[in-house]
Amino acid sequence: MFIIRFFQALTATIRAAYRDETLRARFPSVRMSEGVIIRGAEAFHPGKGVFLDRRCYLNCAGGAWNEHRGYIKIGDNSEVGPYSVLWGAGGITIGSNVHIGAHVSITAHEAEHVKPDDVDVWKPLDFYFEPVVIEDHTLVCSGAVIIPGVTIGHHSMIGGGAVVIDSIPPVSYTHLRAHETGRNL
């Protein structure tokens, strides 16, 4: 029994190392920590000096439910923090010199509300798709959530744990519910 578990663990470790090295070979200008997952890699467009930290997850294209139309574009010298999740089915564009903290969630699609009279449990969800744009020189602190259709202006800062539901103008600071609290920092 021990030998079987040992070989299962060894196989999983080798498979993960192979996956990591395959990603590194495909995107040589991107620095990646261990455990990074990129789904729909053909729709991933990184700039030079991009850093993807430990176990971040990028779903670039979406799936059959959006005809694989999504994308994730990241500008030069930007980083995505550990355990962050980017859902690019509606398109995500991240500018240059952008720093995204740990455990940040950015989504460019959301499911639409299920109507109360819709009782078919096998009916697929309906989605809407809107691009997310994060302009140059922006800091998104840990735990922030950014929903579809939001544009964050250049030189802005999104505070830790903020939920960004509206676009943010350039040179702004936001926190918690992501209402604008200051300009021209």
C-alpha atoms as a PDB file:
ATOM      1  CA  MET A   1       0.000   0.000   0.000  1.00  0.00           C
ATOM      2  CA  PHE A   2       2.793   2.435   0.898  1.00  0.00           C
ATOM      3  CA  ILE A   3       4.592   1.730  -2.376  1.00  0.00           C
ATOM      4  CA  ILE A   4       1.453   2.435  -4.413  1.00  0.00           C
ATOM      5  CA  ARG A   5       0.902   5.779  -2.665  1.00  0.00           C
ATOM      6  CA  PHE A   6       4.570   6.648  -3.068  1.00  0.00           C
ATOM      7  CA  PHE A   7       4.427   6.063  -6.829  1.00  0.00           C
ATOM      8  CA  GLN A   8       1.148   7.972  -7.134  1.00  0.00           C
ATOM      9  CA  ALA A   9       2.718  10.948  -5.341  1.00  0.00           C
ATOM     10  CA  LEU A  10       5.856  10.678  -7.464  1.00  0.00           C
ATOM     11  CA  THR A  11       3.801  10.563 -10.659  1.00  0.00           C
ATOM     12  CA  ALA A  12       1.803  13.636  -9.612  1.00  0.00           C
ATOM     13  CA  THR A  13       5.016  15.531  -8.800  1.00  0.00           C
ATOM     14  CA  ILE A  14       6.574  14.641 -12.149  1.00  0.00           C
ATOM     15  CA  ARG A  15       3.378  15.611 -13.994  1.00  0.00           C
ATOM     16  CA  ALA A  16       3.275  19.016 -12.234  1.00  0.00           C
ATOM     17  CA  ALA A  17       6.963  19.665 -12.956  1.00  0.00           C
ATOM     18  CA  TYR A  18       6.432  18.758 -16.622  1.00  0.00           C
ATOM     19  CA  ARG A  19       3.418  21.105 -16.833  1.00  0.00           C
ATOM     20  CA  ASP A  20       5.428  23.947 -15.235  1.00  0.00           C
ATOM     21  CA  GLU A  21       8.374  23.458 -17.618  1.00  0.00           C
ATOM     22  CA  THR A  22       6.066  23.245 -20.647  1.00  0.00           C
ATOM     23  CA  LEU A  23       4.535  26.619 -19.702  1.00  0.00           C
ATOM     24  CA  ARG A  24       7.976  28.168 -19.164  1.00  0.00           C
ATOM     25  CA  ALA A  25       9.104  26.956 -22.594  1.00  0.00           C
ATOM     26  CA  ARG A  26       5.963  28.337 -24.259  1.00  0.00           C
ATOM     27  CA  PHE A  27       6.311  31.765 -22.606  1.00  0.00           C
ATOM     28  CA  PRO A  28      10.062  32.361 -22.163  1.00  0.00           C
ATOM     29  CA  SER A  29       9.694  36.088 -21.362  1.00  0.00           C
ATOM     30  CA  VAL A  30       7.399  35.315 -18.395  1.00  0.00           C
ATOM     31  CA  ARG A  31       8.795  34.450 -14.971  1.00  0.00           C
ATOM     32  CA  MET A  32       6.604  31.876 -13.254  1.00  0.00           C
ATOM     33  CA  SER A  33       6.603  30.419  -9.779  1.00  0.00           C
ATOM     34  CA  GLU A  34       5.541  26.854  -9.163  1.00  0.00           C
ATOM     35  CA  GLY A  35       2.000  25.710  -9.755  1.00  0.00           C
ATOM     36  CA  VAL A  36       0.878  28.449 -12.163  1.00  0.00           C
ATOM     37  CA  ILE A  37      -2.055  27.290 -14.290  1.00  0.00           C
ATOM     38  CA  ILE A  38      -2.891  28.886 -17.646  1.00  0.00           C
ATOM     39  CA  ARG A  39      -6.001  27.548 -19.406  1.00  0.00           C
ATOM     40  CA  GLY A  40      -6.484  28.586 -23.019  1.00  0.00           C
ATOM     41  CA  ALA A  41      -2.819  29.535 -23.365  1.00  0.00           C
ATOM     42  CA  GLU A  42      -3.318  30.467 -27.031  1.00  0.00           C
ATOM     43  CA  ALA A  43      -5.333  33.487 -25.789  1.00  0.00           C
ATOM     44  CA  PHE A  44      -2.635  34.604 -23.310  1.00  0.00           C
ATOM     45  CA  HIS A  45      -0.566  37.581 -24.534  1.00  0.00           C
ATOM     46  CA  PRO A  46       2.134  38.572 -22.009  1.00  0.00           C
ATOM     47  CA  GLY A  47       4.569  41.458 -22.351  1.00  0.00           C
ATOM     48  CA  LYS A  48       8.228  41.394 -21.364  1.00  0.00           C
ATOM     49  CA  GLY A  49       9.156  40.877 -17.723  1.00  0.00           C
ATOM     50  CA  VAL A  50       5.728  39.595 -16.627  1.00  0.00           C
ATOM     51  CA  PHE A  51       5.800  37.690 -13.327  1.00  0.00           C
ATOM     52  CA  LEU A  52       3.140  35.126 -12.381  1.00  0.00           C
ATOM     53  CA  ASP A  53       3.480  34.235  -8.720  1.00  0.00           C
ATOM     54  CA  ARG A  54       2.787  30.950  -6.973  1.00  0.00           C
ATOM     55  CA  ARG A  55      -0.354  29.062  -7.962  1.00  0.00           C
ATOM     56  CA  CYS A  56      -2.108  31.892  -9.763  1.00  0.00           C
ATOM     57  CA  TYR A  57      -4.797  30.724 -12.191  1.00  0.00           C
ATOM     58  CA  LEU A  58      -5.487  32.320 -15.573  1.00  0.00           C
ATOM     59  CA  ASN A  59      -8.435  31.116 -17.650  1.00  0.00           C
ATOM     60  CA  CYS A  60      -7.747  33.046 -20.823  1.00  0.00           C
ATOM     61  CA  ALA A  61     -10.233  31.877 -23.430  1.00  0.00           C
ATOM     62  CA  GLY A  62     -13.240  30.666 -21.461  1.00  0.00           C
ATOM     63  CA  GLY A  63     -14.856  27.565 -22.938  1.00  0.00           C
ATOM     64  CA  ALA A  64     -17.461  26.276 -25.341  1.00  0.00           C
ATOM     65  CA  TRP A  65     -20.058  28.400 -23.510  1.00  0.00           C
ATOM     66  CA  ASN A  66     -18.420  31.575 -24.914  1.00  0.00           C
ATOM     67  CA  GLU A  67     -16.948  29.991 -28.068  1.00  0.00           C
ATOM     68  CA  HIS A  68     -13.433  30.455 -26.599  1.00  0.00           C
ATOM     69  CA  ARG A  69     -13.532  34.201 -27.433  1.00  0.00           C
ATOM     70  CA  GLY A  70     -11.798  35.488 -24.300  1.00  0.00           C
ATOM     71  CA  TYR A  71      -8.235  36.689 -23.812  1.00  0.00           C
ATOM     72  CA  ILE A  72      -5.816  37.957 -21.186  1.00  0.00           C
ATOM     73  CA  LYS A  73      -3.252  40.587 -22.214  1.00  0.00           C
ATOM     74  CA  ILE A  74      -0.638  41.689 -19.681  1.00  0.00           C
ATOM     75  CA  GLY A  75       1.743  44.590 -20.365  1.00  0.00           C
ATOM     76  CA  ASP A  76       5.470  44.801 -19.683  1.00  0.00           C
ATOM     77  CA  ASN A  77       6.866  44.518 -16.159  1.00  0.00           C
ATOM     78  CA  SER A  78       3.541  43.564 -14.544  1.00  0.00           C
ATOM     79  CA  GLU A  79       2.925  40.926 -11.922  1.00  0.00           C
ATOM     80  CA  VAL A  80       0.052  38.739 -10.782  1.00  0.00           C
ATOM     81  CA  GLY A  81       0.282  37.807  -7.098  1.00  0.00           C
ATOM     82  CA  PRO A  82       0.047  34.357  -5.547  1.00  0.00           C
ATOM     83  CA  TYR A  83      -3.292  32.550  -5.580  1.00  0.00           C
ATOM     84  CA  SER A  84      -4.906  35.211  -7.763  1.00  0.00           C
ATOM     85  CA  VAL A  85      -7.560  34.173 -10.278  1.00  0.00           C
ATOM     86  CA  LEU A  86      -8.205  35.846 -13.640  1.00  0.00           C
ATOM     87  CA  TRP A  87     -11.284  34.746 -15.620  1.00  0.00           C
ATOM     88  CA  GLY A  88     -10.774  36.220 -19.097  1.00  0.00           C
ATOM     89  CA  ALA A  89     -13.838  34.922 -20.981  1.00  0.00           C
ATOM     90  CA  GLY A  90     -14.932  38.503 -21.742  1.00  0.00           C
ATOM     91  CA  GLY A  91     -11.378  39.834 -22.157  1.00  0.00           C
ATOM     92  CA  ILE A  92      -8.926  41.223 -19.604  1.00  0.00           C
ATOM     93  CA  THR A  93      -6.311  43.840 -20.516  1.00  0.00           C
ATOM     94  CA  ILE A  94      -3.694  44.698 -17.898  1.00  0.00           C
ATOM     95  CA  GLY A  95      -1.306  47.551 -18.656  1.00  0.00           C
ATOM     96  CA  SER A  96       2.418  47.888 -18.002  1.00  0.00           C
ATOM     97  CA  ASN A  97       3.885  48.199 -14.497  1.00  0.00           C
ATOM     98  CA  VAL A  98       0.727  46.867 -12.870  1.00  0.00           C
ATOM     99  CA  HIS A  99       1.026  45.008  -9.584  1.00  0.00           C
ATOM    100  CA  ILE A 100      -1.776  42.656  -8.599  1.00  0.00           C
ATOM    101  CA  GLY A 101      -1.596  41.392  -5.016  1.00  0.00           C
ATOM    102  CA  ALA A 102      -2.322  37.967  -3.545  1.00  0.00           C
ATOM    103  CA  HIS A 103      -5.781  36.387  -3.694  1.00  0.00           C
ATOM    104  CA  VAL A 104      -7.166  38.939  -6.179  1.00  0.00           C
ATOM    105  CA  SER A 105     -10.125  37.869  -8.328  1.00  0.00           C
ATOM    106  CA  ILE A 106     -10.723  39.499 -11.719  1.00  0.00           C
ATOM    107  CA  THR A 107     -13.568  38.271 -13.897  1.00  0.00           C
ATOM    108  CA  ALA A 108     -14.752  39.448 -17.314  1.00  0.00           C
ATOM    109  CA  HIS A 109     -17.926  37.354 -17.246  1.00  0.00           C
ATOM    110  CA  GLU A 110     -20.730  36.575 -14.827  1.00  0.00           C
ATOM    111  CA  ALA A 111     -23.747  34.335 -14.820  1.00  0.00           C
ATOM    112  CA  GLU A 112     -27.091  36.019 -15.237  1.00  0.00           C
ATOM    113  CA  HIS A 113     -29.736  35.679 -12.563  1.00  0.00           C
ATOM    114  CA  VAL A 114     -31.827  32.499 -12.813  1.00  0.00           C
ATOM    115  CA  LYS A 115     -35.494  33.458 -13.099  1.00  0.00           C
ATOM    116  CA  PRO A 116     -37.773  32.160 -10.298  1.00  0.00           C
ATOM    117  CA  ASP A 117     -40.022  30.332 -12.790  1.00  0.00           C
ATOM    118  CA  ASP A 118     -37.038  28.527 -14.361  1.00  0.00           C
ATOM    119  CA  VAL A 119     -37.036  25.146 -12.602  1.00  0.00           C
ATOM    120  CA  ASP A 120     -35.085  23.093 -15.163  1.00  0.00           C
ATOM    121  CA  VAL A 121     -31.975  22.082 -13.215  1.00  0.00           C
ATOM    122  CA  TRP A 122     -30.247  20.875 -16.407  1.00  0.00           C
ATOM    123  CA  LYS A 123     -30.569  24.178 -18.275  1.00  0.00           C
ATOM    124  CA  PRO A 124     -27.124  25.777 -18.689  1.00  0.00           C
ATOM    125  CA  LEU A 125     -26.544  29.170 -17.112  1.00  0.00           C
ATOM    126  CA  ASP A 126     -26.666  32.274 -19.266  1.00  0.00           C
ATOM    127  CA  PHE A 127     -23.609  34.537 -19.059  1.00  0.00           C
ATOM    128  CA  TYR A 128     -22.808  38.099 -19.966  1.00  0.00           C
ATOM    129  CA  PHE A 129     -19.339  39.185 -20.997  1.00  0.00           C
ATOM    130  CA  GLU A 130     -17.698  42.590 -20.602  1.00  0.00           C
ATOM    131  CA  PRO A 131     -13.989  43.389 -20.787  1.00  0.00           C
ATOM    132  CA  VAL A 132     -11.953  44.488 -17.788  1.00  0.00           C
ATOM    133  CA  VAL A 133      -9.201  47.053 -18.366  1.00  0.00           C
ATOM    134  CA  ILE A 134      -6.521  47.901 -15.806  1.00  0.00           C
ATOM    135  CA  GLU A 135      -4.383  50.766 -17.077  1.00  0.00           C
ATOM    136  CA  ASP A 136      -0.630  51.335 -16.563  1.00  0.00           C
ATOM    137  CA  HIS A 137       1.037  51.911 -13.178  1.00  0.00           C
ATOM    138  CA  THR A 138      -1.851  50.570 -11.115  1.00  0.00           C
ATOM    139  CA  LEU A 139      -1.684  48.720  -7.802  1.00  0.00           C
ATOM    140  CA  VAL A 140      -4.423  46.207  -6.929  1.00  0.00           C
ATOM    141  CA  CYS A 141      -3.949  45.159  -3.296  1.00  0.00           C
ATOM    142  CA  SER A 142      -4.576  41.715  -1.844  1.00  0.00           C
ATOM    143  CA  GLY A 143      -8.055  40.282  -1.754  1.00  0.00           C
ATOM    144  CA  ALA A 144      -9.605  42.763  -4.196  1.00  0.00           C
ATOM    145  CA  VAL A 145     -12.434  41.645  -6.486  1.00  0.00           C
ATOM    146  CA  ILE A 146     -12.964  43.242  -9.903  1.00  0.00           C
ATOM    147  CA  ILE A 147     -16.161  42.466 -11.817  1.00  0.00           C
ATOM    148  CA  PRO A 148     -16.964  42.610 -15.578  1.00  0.00           C
ATOM    149  CA  GLY A 149     -17.064  45.928 -17.399  1.00  0.00           C
ATOM    150  CA  VAL A 150     -14.734  47.814 -15.054  1.00  0.00           C
ATOM    151  CA  THR A 151     -11.916  50.084 -16.212  1.00  0.00           C
ATOM    152  CA  ILE A 152      -9.331  51.141 -13.640  1.00  0.00           C
ATOM    153  CA  GLY A 153      -7.487  54.308 -14.649  1.00  0.00           C
ATOM    154  CA  HIS A 154      -3.719  54.676 -14.737  1.00  0.00           C
ATOM    155  CA  HIS A 155      -1.776  55.390 -11.534  1.00  0.00           C
ATOM    156  CA  SER A 156      -4.645  54.204  -9.334  1.00  0.00           C
ATOM    157  CA  MET A 157      -4.610  52.052  -6.224  1.00  0.00           C
ATOM    158  CA  ILE A 158      -7.299  49.561  -5.255  1.00  0.00           C
ATOM    159  CA  GLY A 159      -7.199  48.897  -1.509  1.00  0.00           C
ATOM    160  CA  GLY A 160      -7.083  45.441   0.040  1.00  0.00           C
ATOM    161  CA  GLY A 161     -10.400  43.621   0.045  1.00  0.00           C
ATOM    162  CA  ALA A 162     -12.121  46.189  -2.205  1.00  0.00           C
ATOM    163  CA  VAL A 163     -14.959  45.062  -4.455  1.00  0.00           C
ATOM    164  CA  VAL A 164     -14.729  47.141  -7.627  1.00  0.00           C
ATOM    165  CA  ILE A 165     -18.190  47.421  -9.198  1.00  0.00           C
ATOM    166  CA  ASP A 166     -17.744  50.680 -11.154  1.00  0.00           C
ATOM    167  CA  SER A 167     -14.947  52.103 -13.267  1.00  0.00           C
ATOM    168  CA  ILE A 168     -12.278  54.078 -11.414  1.00  0.00           C
ATOM    169  CA  PRO A 169     -10.814  57.289 -12.913  1.00  0.00           C
ATOM    170  CA  PRO A 170      -7.062  57.754 -13.318  1.00  0.00           C
ATOM    171  CA  VAL A 171      -4.936  58.711 -10.311  1.00  0.00           C
ATOM    172  CA  SER A 172      -7.453  57.491  -7.731  1.00  0.00           C
ATOM    173  CA  TYR A 173      -7.395  55.541  -4.497  1.00  0.00           C
ATOM    174  CA  THR A 174     -10.242  53.220  -3.538  1.00  0.00           C
ATOM    175  CA  HIS A 175     -11.005  50.933  -0.627  1.00  0.00           C
ATOM    176  CA  LEU A 176     -13.637  48.467   0.588  1.00  0.00           C
ATOM    177  CA  ARG A 177     -16.635  49.018  -1.680  1.00  0.00           C
ATOM    178  CA  ALA A 178     -14.377  50.738  -4.223  1.00  0.00           C
ATOM    179  CA  HIS A 179     -15.957  54.147  -4.289  1.00  0.00           C
ATOM    180  CA  GLU A 180     -13.546  56.913  -5.157  1.00  0.00           C
ATOM    181  CA  THR A 181     -12.009  58.458  -2.065  1.00  0.00           C
ATOM    182  CA  GLY A 182      -9.230  60.597  -3.430  1.00  0.00           C
ATOM    183  CA  ARG A 183      -7.740  61.969  -6.606  1.00  0.00           C
ATOM    184  CA  ASN A 184      -4.369  63.258  -7.647  1.00  0.00           C
ATOM    185  CA  LEU A 185      -2.509  61.425  -4.936  1.00  0.00           C
END
